[in-house]
Amino acid sequence: MKHMTCLLLLSLLLPGCTSRQLSNTPRAALEQLLLSGAVDKSLAKFTLPEASGKKVFISFTELQAYDVNYIKVAVRARFAQLGAELVEAPDQADLIAEVASGGLGTEYKNSVVGIPSLPVPNAPIALPEAPLLRTTEQTGIFKLLIFVHADGRYVASGHYYGKYDRDERFILWWRFQRQDDVRTGWEQADAEADLQAVRSP
């Protein structure tokens, strides 16, 4: 018992450390959310009364973009929401919709008001910048083309733009956010999920 007490006291005096391996995914979550948010915004603008009650085949042959699988499912969901019956082959369809991307990517802008980083002669490192105001803006942008035809005849076509924004500002050490569609999006999703949970028996 005496030896155990000595070992316990000794262990309390000894230094210790714990380490855990950390890693990051190749693409940032915010980048992906900005892109998918822009896709959602563009599809929300798409309407096609002619699709209601009709069998529709959606062709993604010409679709090339980031996150293609998300775009495909979102487009199919939008057509179904508009009342279309989705079919798996063109010969089963009343309407054929061709989908293409005119551009899907992010824009980034960073501006600083203050003292920039300055090199120091004969020193290995520069003086750090001292910003009074820093503004960072990130935007996901999507241009979607949907062309609908039947038996070679034109039915409808349109370009649908979507933009998803996130910006933040730092005044000295204080952080402000003027707009954050990403946070707004997940807060709305959480609120809708909570409301559905309340309504469920």
N, C-alpha and C. Protein backbone atom coordinates (compact mmCIF):
# COMPACT_ATOMS: atom_id res chain seq x y z
N MET A 1 0.83 -1.20 0.00
CA MET A 1 0.00 0.00 0.00
C MET A 1 0.87 1.26 0.00
N LYS A 2 1.96 1.16 0.80
CA LYS A 2 2.88 2.29 0.87
C LYS A 2 3.51 2.56 -0.48
N HIS A 3 3.89 1.45 -1.20
CA HIS A 3 4.51 1.61 -2.53
C HIS A 3 3.51 2.21 -3.52
N MET A 4 2.25 1.82 -3.44
CA MET A 4 1.23 2.34 -4.34
C MET A 4 1.03 3.83 -4.12
N THR A 5 1.06 4.24 -2.84
CA THR A 5 0.89 5.65 -2.52
C THR A 5 2.04 6.47 -3.08
N CYS A 6 3.26 5.93 -2.98
CA CYS A 6 4.45 6.62 -3.51
C CYS A 6 4.37 6.75 -5.03
N LEU A 7 3.92 5.68 -5.71
CA LEU A 7 3.79 5.72 -7.16
C LEU A 7 2.74 6.73 -7.61
N LEU A 8 1.65 6.82 -6.86
CA LEU A 8 0.59 7.77 -7.20
C LEU A 8 1.08 9.20 -7.05
N LEU A 9 1.79 9.47 -5.95
CA LEU A 9 2.32 10.81 -5.75
C LEU A 9 3.35 11.17 -6.81
N LEU A 10 4.18 10.19 -7.20
CA LEU A 10 5.20 10.43 -8.21
C LEU A 10 4.56 10.72 -9.56
N SER A 11 3.47 10.00 -9.87
CA SER A 11 2.81 10.20 -11.16
C SER A 11 2.18 11.58 -11.25
N LEU A 12 1.75 12.13 -10.12
CA LEU A 12 1.17 13.46 -10.13
C LEU A 12 2.22 14.53 -10.40
N LEU A 13 3.47 14.23 -10.05
CA LEU A 13 4.54 15.20 -10.25
C LEU A 13 5.16 15.13 -11.65
N LEU A 14 4.97 14.00 -12.33
CA LEU A 14 5.59 13.82 -13.64
C LEU A 14 4.80 14.54 -14.73
N PRO A 15 5.50 15.15 -15.72
CA PRO A 15 4.80 15.76 -16.85
C PRO A 15 4.23 14.68 -17.76
N GLY A 16 3.19 15.03 -18.50
CA GLY A 16 2.59 14.09 -19.44
C GLY A 16 2.01 14.83 -20.63
N CYS A 17 1.70 14.09 -21.66
CA CYS A 17 1.11 14.71 -22.84
C CYS A 17 0.25 13.70 -23.57
N THR A 18 -0.72 14.21 -24.30
CA THR A 18 -1.59 13.39 -25.13
C THR A 18 -1.63 14.00 -26.51
N SER A 19 -1.54 13.18 -27.53
CA SER A 19 -1.59 13.69 -28.90
C SER A 19 -2.65 12.94 -29.68
N ARG A 20 -3.23 13.64 -30.64
CA ARG A 20 -4.24 13.05 -31.50
C ARG A 20 -3.97 13.47 -32.92
N GLN A 21 -4.02 12.56 -33.85
CA GLN A 21 -3.74 12.88 -35.24
C GLN A 21 -4.92 13.67 -35.82
N LEU A 22 -4.60 14.80 -36.42
CA LEU A 22 -5.63 15.65 -37.03
C LEU A 22 -5.44 15.63 -38.54
N SER A 23 -6.54 15.69 -39.26
CA SER A 23 -6.47 15.73 -40.71
C SER A 23 -7.60 16.57 -41.26
N ASN A 24 -7.47 16.99 -42.51
CA ASN A 24 -8.48 17.78 -43.17
C ASN A 24 -8.86 17.11 -44.49
N THR A 25 -10.11 17.27 -44.88
CA THR A 25 -10.54 16.76 -46.18
C THR A 25 -9.92 17.61 -47.29
N PRO A 26 -9.76 17.04 -48.49
CA PRO A 26 -9.12 17.79 -49.58
C PRO A 26 -9.85 19.08 -49.94
N ARG A 27 -11.19 19.08 -49.82
CA ARG A 27 -11.97 20.28 -50.13
C ARG A 27 -12.64 20.78 -48.85
N ALA A 28 -12.63 22.09 -48.68
CA ALA A 28 -13.23 22.67 -47.48
C ALA A 28 -14.75 22.52 -47.54
N ALA A 29 -15.35 22.32 -46.38
CA ALA A 29 -16.81 22.19 -46.31
C ALA A 29 -17.49 23.47 -46.77
N LEU A 30 -16.93 24.64 -46.44
CA LEU A 30 -17.55 25.90 -46.84
C LEU A 30 -17.59 26.03 -48.35
N GLU A 31 -16.53 25.61 -49.02
CA GLU A 31 -16.52 25.67 -50.49
C GLU A 31 -17.66 24.83 -51.06
N GLN A 32 -17.81 23.61 -50.55
CA GLN A 32 -18.85 22.73 -51.06
C GLN A 32 -20.25 23.27 -50.75
N LEU A 33 -20.43 23.86 -49.57
CA LEU A 33 -21.72 24.43 -49.22
C LEU A 33 -22.04 25.65 -50.07
N LEU A 34 -21.04 26.45 -50.40
CA LEU A 34 -21.27 27.60 -51.28
C LEU A 34 -21.70 27.14 -52.67
N LEU A 35 -21.07 26.08 -53.18
CA LEU A 35 -21.43 25.57 -54.50
C LEU A 35 -22.83 24.95 -54.51
N SER A 36 -23.10 24.08 -53.55
CA SER A 36 -24.42 23.44 -53.51
C SER A 36 -25.52 24.46 -53.24
N GLY A 37 -25.21 25.49 -52.45
CA GLY A 37 -26.18 26.56 -52.21
C GLY A 37 -26.51 27.32 -53.48
N ALA A 38 -25.48 27.58 -54.32
CA ALA A 38 -25.71 28.25 -55.59
C ALA A 38 -26.57 27.39 -56.51
N VAL A 39 -26.36 26.07 -56.48
CA VAL A 39 -27.19 25.15 -57.26
C VAL A 39 -28.64 25.24 -56.81
N ASP A 40 -28.87 25.21 -55.50
CA ASP A 40 -30.23 25.29 -54.95
C ASP A 40 -30.91 26.60 -55.36
N LYS A 41 -30.15 27.71 -55.30
CA LYS A 41 -30.72 29.01 -55.64
C LYS A 41 -31.13 29.06 -57.11
N SER A 42 -30.31 28.50 -57.99
CA SER A 42 -30.64 28.54 -59.42
C SER A 42 -31.86 27.68 -59.72
N LEU A 43 -31.94 26.50 -59.13
CA LEU A 43 -33.06 25.60 -59.39
C LEU A 43 -34.37 26.14 -58.81
N ALA A 44 -34.29 26.93 -57.77
CA ALA A 44 -35.50 27.52 -57.21
C ALA A 44 -36.17 28.45 -58.21
N LYS A 45 -35.41 28.97 -59.18
CA LYS A 45 -35.95 29.88 -60.20
C LYS A 45 -36.56 29.13 -61.39
N PHE A 46 -36.30 27.82 -61.46
CA PHE A 46 -36.77 27.04 -62.61
C PHE A 46 -38.22 26.61 -62.42
N THR A 47 -39.05 26.95 -63.39
CA THR A 47 -40.44 26.49 -63.41
C THR A 47 -40.76 25.99 -64.82
N LEU A 48 -41.64 25.01 -64.92
CA LEU A 48 -42.03 24.46 -66.21
C LEU A 48 -43.45 23.89 -66.10
N PRO A 49 -44.47 24.71 -66.32
CA PRO A 49 -45.85 24.22 -66.19
C PRO A 49 -46.13 23.03 -67.11
N GLU A 50 -45.45 22.98 -68.25
CA GLU A 50 -45.69 21.88 -69.20
C GLU A 50 -45.28 20.52 -68.64
N ALA A 51 -44.47 20.50 -67.59
CA ALA A 51 -43.98 19.23 -67.05
C ALA A 51 -44.98 18.57 -66.12
N SER A 52 -45.95 19.32 -65.62
CA SER A 52 -46.90 18.78 -64.66
C SER A 52 -47.74 17.66 -65.29
N GLY A 53 -47.69 16.48 -64.68
CA GLY A 53 -48.45 15.34 -65.16
C GLY A 53 -47.84 14.63 -66.36
N LYS A 54 -46.67 15.09 -66.82
CA LYS A 54 -46.02 14.50 -67.99
C LYS A 54 -44.86 13.59 -67.55
N LYS A 55 -44.56 12.62 -68.43
CA LYS A 55 -43.39 11.76 -68.21
C LYS A 55 -42.17 12.48 -68.78
N VAL A 56 -41.15 12.63 -67.95
CA VAL A 56 -39.97 13.41 -68.33
C VAL A 56 -38.72 12.57 -68.18
N PHE A 57 -37.91 12.55 -69.24
CA PHE A 57 -36.58 11.95 -69.18
C PHE A 57 -35.57 13.09 -69.11
N ILE A 58 -34.66 13.03 -68.14
CA ILE A 58 -33.65 14.08 -67.96
C ILE A 58 -32.30 13.55 -68.39
N SER A 59 -31.70 14.24 -69.35
CA SER A 59 -30.39 13.84 -69.87
C SER A 59 -29.30 14.71 -69.25
N PHE A 60 -28.31 14.04 -68.66
CA PHE A 60 -27.17 14.74 -68.08
C PHE A 60 -25.90 14.48 -68.89
N THR A 61 -26.04 14.06 -70.13
CA THR A 61 -24.88 13.71 -70.96
C THR A 61 -23.92 14.88 -71.12
N GLU A 62 -24.45 16.08 -71.25
CA GLU A 62 -23.60 17.25 -71.49
C GLU A 62 -23.24 18.00 -70.20
N LEU A 63 -23.58 17.45 -69.07
CA LEU A 63 -23.32 18.13 -67.80
C LEU A 63 -21.92 17.83 -67.31
N GLN A 64 -21.11 18.86 -67.18
CA GLN A 64 -19.76 18.74 -66.63
C GLN A 64 -19.56 19.88 -65.63
N ALA A 65 -19.29 19.54 -64.39
CA ALA A 65 -19.14 20.56 -63.36
C ALA A 65 -18.64 19.90 -62.09
N TYR A 66 -18.29 20.72 -61.12
CA TYR A 66 -18.03 20.20 -59.78
C TYR A 66 -19.33 19.62 -59.22
N ASP A 67 -19.20 18.63 -58.37
CA ASP A 67 -20.33 18.09 -57.61
C ASP A 67 -21.50 17.71 -58.51
N VAL A 68 -21.17 16.98 -59.60
CA VAL A 68 -22.17 16.60 -60.60
C VAL A 68 -23.31 15.79 -59.98
N ASN A 69 -22.99 14.88 -59.07
CA ASN A 69 -24.03 14.04 -58.48
C ASN A 69 -25.06 14.86 -57.72
N TYR A 70 -24.60 15.88 -57.03
CA TYR A 70 -25.54 16.74 -56.32
C TYR A 70 -26.46 17.46 -57.31
N ILE A 71 -25.89 17.97 -58.39
CA ILE A 71 -26.70 18.68 -59.40
C ILE A 71 -27.75 17.74 -59.98
N LYS A 72 -27.36 16.51 -60.28
CA LYS A 72 -28.30 15.55 -60.88
C LYS A 72 -29.49 15.29 -59.96
N VAL A 73 -29.21 15.01 -58.71
CA VAL A 73 -30.30 14.72 -57.77
C VAL A 73 -31.17 15.96 -57.56
N ALA A 74 -30.54 17.14 -57.46
CA ALA A 74 -31.31 18.37 -57.24
C ALA A 74 -32.21 18.67 -58.43
N VAL A 75 -31.73 18.45 -59.64
CA VAL A 75 -32.55 18.69 -60.84
C VAL A 75 -33.72 17.71 -60.88
N ARG A 76 -33.44 16.44 -60.62
CA ARG A 76 -34.51 15.44 -60.62
C ARG A 76 -35.57 15.78 -59.56
N ALA A 77 -35.11 16.20 -58.39
CA ALA A 77 -36.04 16.56 -57.32
C ALA A 77 -36.90 17.75 -57.72
N ARG A 78 -36.30 18.72 -58.42
CA ARG A 78 -37.06 19.90 -58.83
C ARG A 78 -38.14 19.54 -59.86
N PHE A 79 -37.80 18.70 -60.82
CA PHE A 79 -38.79 18.27 -61.81
C PHE A 79 -39.94 17.52 -61.12
N ALA A 80 -39.60 16.63 -60.19
CA ALA A 80 -40.63 15.90 -59.46
C ALA A 80 -41.50 16.85 -58.65
N GLN A 81 -40.88 17.87 -58.07
CA GLN A 81 -41.62 18.87 -57.29
C GLN A 81 -42.60 19.63 -58.18
N LEU A 82 -42.26 19.81 -59.45
CA LEU A 82 -43.12 20.51 -60.40
C LEU A 82 -44.21 19.62 -60.99
N GLY A 83 -44.27 18.37 -60.52
CA GLY A 83 -45.35 17.48 -60.95
C GLY A 83 -45.00 16.52 -62.06
N ALA A 84 -43.72 16.46 -62.45
CA ALA A 84 -43.32 15.54 -63.52
C ALA A 84 -43.17 14.12 -62.99
N GLU A 85 -43.42 13.16 -63.87
CA GLU A 85 -43.14 11.76 -63.58
C GLU A 85 -41.82 11.40 -64.26
N LEU A 86 -40.81 11.08 -63.49
CA LEU A 86 -39.48 10.81 -64.05
C LEU A 86 -39.41 9.40 -64.60
N VAL A 87 -38.87 9.28 -65.82
CA VAL A 87 -38.71 7.98 -66.45
C VAL A 87 -37.24 7.76 -66.77
N GLU A 88 -36.87 6.49 -67.01
CA GLU A 88 -35.47 6.10 -67.15
C GLU A 88 -35.00 5.99 -68.59
N ALA A 89 -35.87 6.18 -69.57
CA ALA A 89 -35.47 6.05 -70.98
C ALA A 89 -36.19 7.09 -71.82
N PRO A 90 -35.53 7.64 -72.86
CA PRO A 90 -36.17 8.66 -73.69
C PRO A 90 -37.44 8.18 -74.38
N ASP A 91 -37.47 6.89 -74.79
CA ASP A 91 -38.65 6.41 -75.51
C ASP A 91 -39.88 6.24 -74.61
N GLN A 92 -39.69 6.42 -73.30
CA GLN A 92 -40.82 6.36 -72.36
C GLN A 92 -41.38 7.75 -72.06
N ALA A 93 -40.73 8.79 -72.58
CA ALA A 93 -41.00 10.15 -72.11
C ALA A 93 -41.90 10.94 -73.06
N ASP A 94 -42.68 11.83 -72.47
CA ASP A 94 -43.40 12.85 -73.22
C ASP A 94 -42.49 14.04 -73.50
N LEU A 95 -41.60 14.33 -72.55
CA LEU A 95 -40.67 15.45 -72.66
C LEU A 95 -39.26 14.97 -72.34
N ILE A 96 -38.28 15.56 -73.03
CA ILE A 96 -36.87 15.29 -72.74
C ILE A 96 -36.23 16.61 -72.32
N ALA A 97 -35.55 16.57 -71.18
CA ALA A 97 -34.86 17.76 -70.67
C ALA A 97 -33.36 17.52 -70.68
N GLU A 98 -32.62 18.39 -71.36
CA GLU A 98 -31.16 18.32 -71.37
C GLU A 98 -30.61 19.38 -70.42
N VAL A 99 -29.66 18.95 -69.60
CA VAL A 99 -29.13 19.82 -68.54
C VAL A 99 -27.64 20.04 -68.77
N ALA A 100 -27.19 21.29 -68.67
CA ALA A 100 -25.77 21.61 -68.81
C ALA A 100 -25.41 22.73 -67.85
N SER A 101 -24.14 22.80 -67.52
CA SER A 101 -23.64 23.84 -66.63
C SER A 101 -22.87 24.88 -67.44
N GLY A 102 -23.21 26.15 -67.21
CA GLY A 102 -22.45 27.23 -67.83
C GLY A 102 -21.33 27.72 -66.95
N GLY A 103 -21.22 27.17 -65.76
CA GLY A 103 -20.17 27.56 -64.83
C GLY A 103 -20.60 27.32 -63.40
N LEU A 104 -19.73 26.70 -62.63
CA LEU A 104 -19.97 26.48 -61.20
C LEU A 104 -18.63 26.61 -60.49
N GLY A 105 -18.52 27.60 -59.65
CA GLY A 105 -17.25 27.81 -58.95
C GLY A 105 -17.41 28.86 -57.87
N THR A 106 -16.31 29.17 -57.23
CA THR A 106 -16.31 30.16 -56.16
C THR A 106 -15.46 31.36 -56.54
N GLU A 107 -15.86 32.51 -56.04
CA GLU A 107 -15.08 33.74 -56.16
C GLU A 107 -14.64 34.14 -54.76
N TYR A 108 -13.43 34.70 -54.67
CA TYR A 108 -12.88 35.07 -53.37
C TYR A 108 -12.25 36.45 -53.48
N LYS A 109 -12.59 37.31 -52.53
CA LYS A 109 -12.00 38.64 -52.50
C LYS A 109 -11.60 38.98 -51.07
N ASN A 110 -10.39 39.49 -50.91
CA ASN A 110 -9.88 39.86 -49.59
C ASN A 110 -9.29 41.25 -49.69
N SER A 111 -9.72 42.13 -48.84
CA SER A 111 -9.18 43.50 -48.84
C SER A 111 -8.80 43.90 -47.42
N VAL A 112 -7.72 44.68 -47.33
CA VAL A 112 -7.17 45.08 -46.03
C VAL A 112 -6.91 46.57 -46.05
N VAL A 113 -7.33 47.26 -44.99
CA VAL A 113 -7.00 48.66 -44.77
C VAL A 113 -6.13 48.73 -43.52
N GLY A 114 -4.93 49.23 -43.68
CA GLY A 114 -4.02 49.29 -42.54
C GLY A 114 -2.58 49.23 -43.00
N ILE A 115 -1.71 48.75 -42.14
CA ILE A 115 -0.29 48.67 -42.45
C ILE A 115 0.01 47.28 -43.01
N PRO A 116 0.52 47.19 -44.23
CA PRO A 116 0.82 45.87 -44.80
C PRO A 116 2.05 45.24 -44.14
N SER A 117 2.25 43.98 -44.43
CA SER A 117 3.46 43.30 -43.95
C SER A 117 4.69 43.94 -44.61
N LEU A 118 5.70 44.25 -43.79
CA LEU A 118 6.88 44.94 -44.29
C LEU A 118 8.13 44.11 -44.07
N PRO A 119 8.97 43.98 -45.11
CA PRO A 119 10.23 43.25 -44.93
C PRO A 119 11.19 44.04 -44.05
N VAL A 120 11.99 43.31 -43.29
CA VAL A 120 12.99 43.92 -42.41
C VAL A 120 14.37 43.58 -42.98
N PRO A 121 15.20 44.60 -43.26
CA PRO A 121 16.53 44.32 -43.82
C PRO A 121 17.34 43.38 -42.92
N ASN A 122 17.94 42.38 -43.56
CA ASN A 122 18.81 41.42 -42.88
C ASN A 122 18.08 40.60 -41.82
N ALA A 123 16.77 40.51 -41.94
CA ALA A 123 15.99 39.71 -40.99
C ALA A 123 15.29 38.58 -41.75
N PRO A 124 15.20 37.39 -41.16
CA PRO A 124 14.59 36.25 -41.86
C PRO A 124 13.07 36.37 -42.03
N ILE A 125 12.43 37.18 -41.20
CA ILE A 125 10.98 37.30 -41.30
C ILE A 125 10.60 38.77 -41.41
N ALA A 126 9.42 39.01 -41.97
CA ALA A 126 8.93 40.37 -42.12
C ALA A 126 8.06 40.76 -40.93
N LEU A 127 7.88 42.06 -40.79
CA LEU A 127 6.96 42.53 -39.76
C LEU A 127 5.54 42.13 -40.15
N PRO A 128 4.75 41.62 -39.23
CA PRO A 128 3.38 41.23 -39.59
C PRO A 128 2.53 42.45 -39.92
N GLU A 129 1.52 42.21 -40.77
CA GLU A 129 0.62 43.31 -41.11
C GLU A 129 -0.21 43.69 -39.89
N ALA A 130 -0.64 44.94 -39.87
CA ALA A 130 -1.48 45.44 -38.77
C ALA A 130 -2.74 46.04 -39.40
N PRO A 131 -3.73 45.21 -39.69
CA PRO A 131 -4.92 45.72 -40.37
C PRO A 131 -5.87 46.45 -39.42
N LEU A 132 -6.41 47.58 -39.88
CA LEU A 132 -7.48 48.25 -39.16
C LEU A 132 -8.82 47.67 -39.56
N LEU A 133 -8.94 47.34 -40.86
CA LEU A 133 -10.17 46.75 -41.38
C LEU A 133 -9.80 45.67 -42.38
N ARG A 134 -10.36 44.49 -42.20
CA ARG A 134 -10.15 43.39 -43.15
C ARG A 134 -11.52 42.86 -43.58
N THR A 135 -11.69 42.70 -44.88
CA THR A 135 -12.94 42.18 -45.42
C THR A 135 -12.64 40.97 -46.28
N THR A 136 -13.34 39.87 -46.01
CA THR A 136 -13.21 38.65 -46.80
C THR A 136 -14.57 38.27 -47.35
N GLU A 137 -14.66 38.10 -48.66
CA GLU A 137 -15.92 37.74 -49.31
C GLU A 137 -15.73 36.46 -50.11
N GLN A 138 -16.64 35.50 -49.92
CA GLN A 138 -16.65 34.24 -50.67
C GLN A 138 -18.03 34.07 -51.30
N THR A 139 -18.03 33.72 -52.57
CA THR A 139 -19.30 33.57 -53.29
C THR A 139 -19.26 32.33 -54.16
N GLY A 140 -20.31 31.52 -54.07
CA GLY A 140 -20.51 30.41 -55.00
C GLY A 140 -21.46 30.85 -56.10
N ILE A 141 -21.10 30.59 -57.36
CA ILE A 141 -21.89 31.06 -58.50
C ILE A 141 -22.17 29.88 -59.43
N PHE A 142 -23.41 29.80 -59.90
CA PHE A 142 -23.81 28.70 -60.79
C PHE A 142 -24.67 29.26 -61.91
N LYS A 143 -24.37 28.83 -63.15
CA LYS A 143 -25.23 29.11 -64.30
C LYS A 143 -25.71 27.77 -64.84
N LEU A 144 -27.02 27.58 -64.84
CA LEU A 144 -27.63 26.31 -65.24
C LEU A 144 -28.44 26.51 -66.52
N LEU A 145 -28.28 25.61 -67.46
CA LEU A 145 -29.07 25.60 -68.70
C LEU A 145 -29.94 24.35 -68.71
N ILE A 146 -31.23 24.54 -68.93
CA ILE A 146 -32.17 23.42 -69.09
C ILE A 146 -32.92 23.63 -70.41
N PHE A 147 -32.80 22.66 -71.31
CA PHE A 147 -33.45 22.70 -72.62
C PHE A 147 -34.44 21.54 -72.69
N VAL A 148 -35.70 21.86 -72.92
CA VAL A 148 -36.76 20.85 -72.95
C VAL A 148 -37.34 20.76 -74.35
N HIS A 149 -37.47 19.52 -74.87
CA HIS A 149 -38.03 19.32 -76.21
C HIS A 149 -38.86 18.04 -76.23
N ALA A 150 -39.68 17.90 -77.26
CA ALA A 150 -40.54 16.73 -77.42
C ALA A 150 -40.61 16.37 -78.90
N ASP A 151 -40.20 15.17 -79.23
CA ASP A 151 -40.21 14.70 -80.64
C ASP A 151 -39.48 15.68 -81.55
N GLY A 152 -38.38 16.22 -81.05
CA GLY A 152 -37.59 17.15 -81.85
C GLY A 152 -38.13 18.57 -81.87
N ARG A 153 -39.24 18.84 -81.21
CA ARG A 153 -39.84 20.17 -81.18
C ARG A 153 -39.44 20.90 -79.91
N TYR A 154 -39.18 22.18 -80.06
CA TYR A 154 -38.81 23.03 -78.93
C TYR A 154 -40.00 23.19 -77.99
N VAL A 155 -39.75 23.02 -76.71
CA VAL A 155 -40.78 23.26 -75.70
C VAL A 155 -40.40 24.45 -74.82
N ALA A 156 -39.18 24.44 -74.29
CA ALA A 156 -38.73 25.53 -73.42
C ALA A 156 -37.23 25.44 -73.22
N SER A 157 -36.63 26.55 -72.88
CA SER A 157 -35.21 26.56 -72.47
C SER A 157 -34.98 27.82 -71.66
N GLY A 158 -33.98 27.75 -70.81
CA GLY A 158 -33.68 28.92 -70.00
C GLY A 158 -32.37 28.78 -69.27
N HIS A 159 -31.79 29.95 -68.93
CA HIS A 159 -30.58 30.00 -68.11
C HIS A 159 -30.99 30.45 -66.72
N TYR A 160 -30.48 29.77 -65.71
CA TYR A 160 -30.87 30.05 -64.33
C TYR A 160 -29.61 30.25 -63.50
N TYR A 161 -29.50 31.46 -62.96
CA TYR A 161 -28.31 31.81 -62.19
C TYR A 161 -28.60 31.70 -60.70
N GLY A 162 -27.59 31.23 -59.97
CA GLY A 162 -27.68 31.17 -58.52
C GLY A 162 -26.41 31.69 -57.89
N LYS A 163 -26.54 32.40 -56.76
CA LYS A 163 -25.38 32.96 -56.07
C LYS A 163 -25.56 32.74 -54.58
N TYR A 164 -24.51 32.29 -53.91
CA TYR A 164 -24.53 32.01 -52.48
C TYR A 164 -23.34 32.72 -51.87
N ASP A 165 -23.60 33.57 -50.88
CA ASP A 165 -22.57 34.48 -50.37
C ASP A 165 -22.20 34.20 -48.92
N ARG A 166 -20.98 34.56 -48.62
CA ARG A 166 -20.51 34.55 -47.23
C ARG A 166 -19.42 35.61 -47.11
N ASP A 167 -19.58 36.54 -46.20
CA ASP A 167 -18.52 37.52 -45.99
C ASP A 167 -18.36 37.81 -44.51
N GLU A 168 -17.20 38.25 -44.16
CA GLU A 168 -16.92 38.62 -42.77
C GLU A 168 -15.96 39.79 -42.75
N ARG A 169 -16.08 40.60 -41.70
CA ARG A 169 -15.25 41.78 -41.55
C ARG A 169 -14.62 41.79 -40.16
N PHE A 170 -13.39 42.26 -40.13
CA PHE A 170 -12.69 42.42 -38.86
C PHE A 170 -12.29 43.88 -38.72
N ILE A 171 -12.74 44.51 -37.67
CA ILE A 171 -12.28 45.85 -37.32
C ILE A 171 -11.40 45.69 -36.09
N LEU A 172 -10.10 45.86 -36.30
CA LEU A 172 -9.10 45.49 -35.29
C LEU A 172 -9.31 44.02 -34.92
N TRP A 173 -9.77 43.73 -33.68
CA TRP A 173 -9.93 42.33 -33.29
C TRP A 173 -11.39 41.91 -33.22
N TRP A 174 -12.29 42.79 -33.65
CA TRP A 174 -13.71 42.48 -33.59
C TRP A 174 -14.20 41.97 -34.95
N ARG A 175 -14.97 40.89 -34.88
CA ARG A 175 -15.44 40.24 -36.10
C ARG A 175 -16.93 40.54 -36.31
N PHE A 176 -17.27 40.92 -37.56
CA PHE A 176 -18.65 41.18 -37.92
C PHE A 176 -18.97 40.39 -39.19
N GLN A 177 -20.21 39.92 -39.30
CA GLN A 177 -20.65 39.25 -40.52
C GLN A 177 -21.86 39.96 -41.06
N ARG A 178 -21.71 40.51 -42.27
CA ARG A 178 -22.80 41.23 -42.91
C ARG A 178 -23.77 40.25 -43.57
N GLN A 179 -23.23 39.18 -44.14
CA GLN A 179 -24.07 38.19 -44.81
C GLN A 179 -23.41 36.83 -44.72
N ASP A 180 -24.21 35.81 -44.42
CA ASP A 180 -23.70 34.44 -44.36
C ASP A 180 -24.83 33.50 -44.77
N ASP A 181 -24.96 33.25 -46.08
CA ASP A 181 -26.00 32.36 -46.59
C ASP A 181 -25.82 30.93 -46.08
N VAL A 182 -24.57 30.54 -45.83
CA VAL A 182 -24.31 29.19 -45.35
C VAL A 182 -24.95 28.99 -43.98
N ARG A 183 -24.68 29.90 -43.04
CA ARG A 183 -25.26 29.79 -41.71
C ARG A 183 -26.77 29.93 -41.76
N THR A 184 -27.26 30.88 -42.56
CA THR A 184 -28.71 31.06 -42.69
C THR A 184 -29.36 29.78 -43.21
N GLY A 185 -28.70 29.12 -44.17
CA GLY A 185 -29.24 27.90 -44.75
C GLY A 185 -29.38 26.79 -43.72
N TRP A 186 -28.34 26.56 -42.92
CA TRP A 186 -28.46 25.45 -41.96
C TRP A 186 -29.37 25.83 -40.78
N GLU A 187 -29.46 27.12 -40.44
CA GLU A 187 -30.40 27.51 -39.39
C GLU A 187 -31.84 27.30 -39.84
N GLN A 188 -32.13 27.62 -41.11
CA GLN A 188 -33.47 27.38 -41.64
C GLN A 188 -33.79 25.89 -41.69
N ALA A 189 -32.79 25.09 -42.11
CA ALA A 189 -32.99 23.64 -42.16
C ALA A 189 -33.25 23.08 -40.77
N ASP A 190 -32.51 23.56 -39.77
CA ASP A 190 -32.73 23.10 -38.39
C ASP A 190 -34.13 23.50 -37.90
N ALA A 191 -34.55 24.72 -38.23
CA ALA A 191 -35.87 25.19 -37.79
C ALA A 191 -36.98 24.37 -38.44
N GLU A 192 -36.82 24.04 -39.73
CA GLU A 192 -37.82 23.22 -40.42
C GLU A 192 -37.87 21.81 -39.84
N ALA A 193 -36.69 21.25 -39.52
CA ALA A 193 -36.65 19.92 -38.93
C ALA A 193 -37.31 19.91 -37.54
N ASP A 194 -37.07 20.96 -36.76
CA ASP A 194 -37.69 21.05 -35.44
C ASP A 194 -39.22 21.17 -35.56
N LEU A 195 -39.68 21.96 -36.56
CA LEU A 195 -41.10 22.14 -36.76
C LEU A 195 -41.78 20.83 -37.17
N GLN A 196 -41.11 20.07 -38.06
CA GLN A 196 -41.65 18.79 -38.48
C GLN A 196 -41.70 17.80 -37.31
N ALA A 197 -40.69 17.85 -36.45
CA ALA A 197 -40.67 16.96 -35.28
C ALA A 197 -41.84 17.27 -34.34
N VAL A 198 -42.17 18.56 -34.20
CA VAL A 198 -43.29 18.96 -33.34
C VAL A 198 -44.62 18.49 -33.94
N ARG A 199 -44.72 18.57 -35.28
CA ARG A 199 -45.97 18.18 -35.95
C ARG A 199 -46.16 16.68 -36.00
N SER A 200 -45.07 15.93 -35.95
CA SER A 200 -45.18 14.48 -36.04
C SER A 200 -45.86 13.93 -34.79
N PRO A 201 -46.72 12.90 -34.97
CA PRO A 201 -47.42 12.34 -33.81
C PRO A 201 -46.46 11.59 -32.89
